N, C-alpha and C. Protein backbone atom coordinates (compact mmCIF):
# COMPACT_ATOMS: atom_id res chain seq x y z
N MET A 1 74.36 -28.10 0.81
CA MET A 1 73.77 -29.22 1.77
C MET A 1 73.49 -30.38 0.98
N ALA A 2 73.58 -31.54 1.26
CA ALA A 2 73.17 -33.12 0.54
C ALA A 2 71.79 -32.68 0.55
N GLU A 3 70.61 -33.46 -0.17
CA GLU A 3 69.79 -33.63 -0.74
C GLU A 3 69.70 -35.02 0.53
N GLU A 4 68.13 -35.45 1.17
CA GLU A 4 67.54 -36.58 1.67
C GLU A 4 67.52 -37.21 1.15
N GLU A 5 67.65 -38.74 0.09
CA GLU A 5 67.21 -39.33 -0.34
C GLU A 5 65.36 -40.22 0.95
N ARG A 6 64.92 -39.78 0.28
CA ARG A 6 63.31 -40.42 0.90
C ARG A 6 63.06 -42.43 0.02
N LEU A 7 62.73 -43.04 1.44
CA LEU A 7 62.32 -43.84 0.41
C LEU A 7 60.98 -43.56 0.56
N THR A 8 60.40 -44.62 -0.94
CA THR A 8 58.98 -44.86 -1.28
C THR A 8 58.74 -46.02 -1.37
N LEU A 9 57.43 -45.79 -0.19
CA LEU A 9 56.93 -47.70 -0.19
C LEU A 9 56.17 -47.99 -1.38
N SER A 10 56.27 -49.32 -1.74
CA SER A 10 55.06 -49.56 -3.11
C SER A 10 53.82 -49.78 -2.20
N ASP A 11 52.67 -50.05 -2.78
CA ASP A 11 51.80 -50.46 -1.98
C ASP A 11 51.48 -51.92 -1.16
N ALA A 12 51.98 -52.22 -1.86
CA ALA A 12 52.43 -53.99 -1.19
C ALA A 12 53.12 -53.44 0.62
N GLN A 13 53.95 -52.81 0.82
CA GLN A 13 54.68 -52.69 1.21
C GLN A 13 54.42 -51.88 2.71
N LYS A 14 53.05 -50.79 2.62
CA LYS A 14 52.20 -50.07 2.71
C LYS A 14 51.52 -51.19 3.71
N LYS A 15 50.56 -52.04 3.04
CA LYS A 15 49.90 -52.56 3.36
C LYS A 15 50.13 -53.86 4.82
N ALA A 16 51.62 -53.84 4.61
CA ALA A 16 52.28 -55.24 5.68
C ALA A 16 52.60 -54.19 6.46
N ARG A 17 53.05 -53.06 6.57
CA ARG A 17 53.42 -52.15 7.11
C ARG A 17 51.87 -51.86 8.42
N ARG A 18 50.79 -51.73 7.68
CA ARG A 18 49.37 -51.86 8.52
C ARG A 18 49.58 -52.93 8.78
N SER A 19 49.71 -53.75 8.87
CA SER A 19 49.14 -55.08 9.48
C SER A 19 49.99 -55.77 10.59
N ARG A 20 50.91 -55.33 10.01
CA ARG A 20 52.10 -54.79 11.54
C ARG A 20 51.62 -54.45 12.51
N SER A 21 50.98 -52.90 12.18
CA SER A 21 51.01 -51.65 13.45
C SER A 21 49.35 -52.53 14.03
N ILE A 22 48.77 -53.13 12.90
CA ILE A 22 47.75 -53.26 13.93
C ILE A 22 47.66 -54.55 14.58
N ALA A 23 48.53 -55.72 14.08
CA ALA A 23 49.17 -57.08 14.69
C ALA A 23 49.76 -55.78 16.57
N LEU A 24 50.78 -55.52 16.36
CA LEU A 24 51.86 -54.73 17.13
C LEU A 24 50.28 -54.77 18.26
N GLY A 25 49.57 -53.23 17.94
CA GLY A 25 48.68 -52.62 19.17
C GLY A 25 47.60 -53.94 19.14
N ILE A 26 47.22 -54.77 18.60
CA ILE A 26 46.08 -55.91 18.80
C ILE A 26 47.20 -56.31 20.10
N ALA A 27 47.90 -57.09 20.14
CA ALA A 27 49.29 -57.24 20.56
C ALA A 27 48.78 -56.76 22.30
N LEU A 28 49.42 -55.55 22.25
CA LEU A 28 49.44 -54.44 23.36
C LEU A 28 48.55 -54.69 23.93
N ALA A 29 47.31 -54.22 23.37
CA ALA A 29 45.97 -54.78 23.72
C ALA A 29 46.25 -55.44 25.13
N ALA A 30 46.14 -56.86 24.43
CA ALA A 30 45.68 -58.31 25.15
C ALA A 30 46.71 -58.01 26.31
N LEU A 31 48.04 -57.85 26.00
CA LEU A 31 48.61 -58.11 27.41
C LEU A 31 48.09 -57.06 28.56
N VAL A 32 48.16 -55.62 28.14
CA VAL A 32 46.99 -54.79 28.90
C VAL A 32 46.00 -55.10 29.67
N ILE A 33 45.14 -56.24 28.63
CA ILE A 33 43.59 -57.17 29.56
C ILE A 33 44.27 -57.79 30.26
N ILE A 34 44.95 -58.88 29.71
CA ILE A 34 45.89 -59.57 30.90
C ILE A 34 46.31 -58.99 32.15
N PHE A 35 47.46 -58.59 31.68
CA PHE A 35 48.04 -57.72 32.87
C PHE A 35 46.54 -57.28 33.93
N TYR A 36 45.55 -56.78 33.87
CA TYR A 36 44.15 -56.27 34.42
C TYR A 36 43.71 -56.98 34.73
N VAL A 37 43.37 -58.69 34.90
CA VAL A 37 42.54 -59.72 34.84
C VAL A 37 43.05 -60.18 36.24
N ALA A 38 44.96 -60.48 35.38
CA ALA A 38 45.73 -60.79 36.49
C ALA A 38 45.78 -60.02 38.19
N THR A 39 45.75 -59.40 38.21
CA THR A 39 46.07 -57.81 39.12
C THR A 39 44.63 -57.91 40.01
N ILE A 40 43.08 -57.97 39.40
CA ILE A 40 42.08 -57.96 39.86
C ILE A 40 42.43 -59.70 40.01
N ALA A 41 42.48 -60.55 39.87
CA ALA A 41 42.83 -61.78 40.44
C ALA A 41 43.30 -62.68 41.55
N LYS A 42 44.32 -61.36 41.23
CA LYS A 42 45.49 -61.40 42.70
C LYS A 42 45.17 -61.21 44.15
N PHE A 43 45.00 -60.00 44.17
CA PHE A 43 43.76 -59.00 45.10
C PHE A 43 42.27 -59.69 45.62
N GLY A 44 41.77 -59.85 44.42
CA GLY A 44 40.17 -61.11 44.99
C GLY A 44 39.47 -59.91 45.39
N PRO A 45 38.24 -60.20 46.04
CA PRO A 45 37.70 -59.57 46.55
C PRO A 45 38.21 -58.86 47.45
N ALA A 46 39.02 -59.17 48.47
CA ALA A 46 39.79 -57.87 49.41
C ALA A 46 39.67 -56.85 48.59
N LEU A 47 40.24 -56.52 47.22
CA LEU A 47 40.70 -55.02 46.77
C LEU A 47 39.41 -54.32 47.27
N LEU A 48 37.89 -55.17 47.01
CA LEU A 48 36.68 -53.78 47.12
C LEU A 48 36.60 -53.41 48.60
N GLU A 49 37.19 -54.04 49.51
CA GLU A 49 36.95 -54.19 50.79
C GLU A 49 37.62 -53.52 51.52
N ARG A 50 38.38 -52.62 51.48
CA ARG A 50 39.41 -51.64 51.61
C ARG A 50 38.80 -50.71 51.83
N SER A 51 40.05 -50.15 53.46
CA SER A 51 39.18 -48.99 53.92
C SER A 51 39.48 -47.51 53.20
N MET A 52 39.06 -46.87 52.80
CA MET A 52 39.90 -45.51 51.96
C MET A 52 39.99 -44.89 53.36
């Protein structure tokens, strides 16, 4: 069987990958918050006054 080649990342590449991952995580969290706030704003107070 052929041996698999593994890439070894330099410290700069690891730091760049981590920075991108953090930025993606923050962007995703911000999007979730925006959708949540927009949903609450769309329904308004009527959301709390509905019958169960």
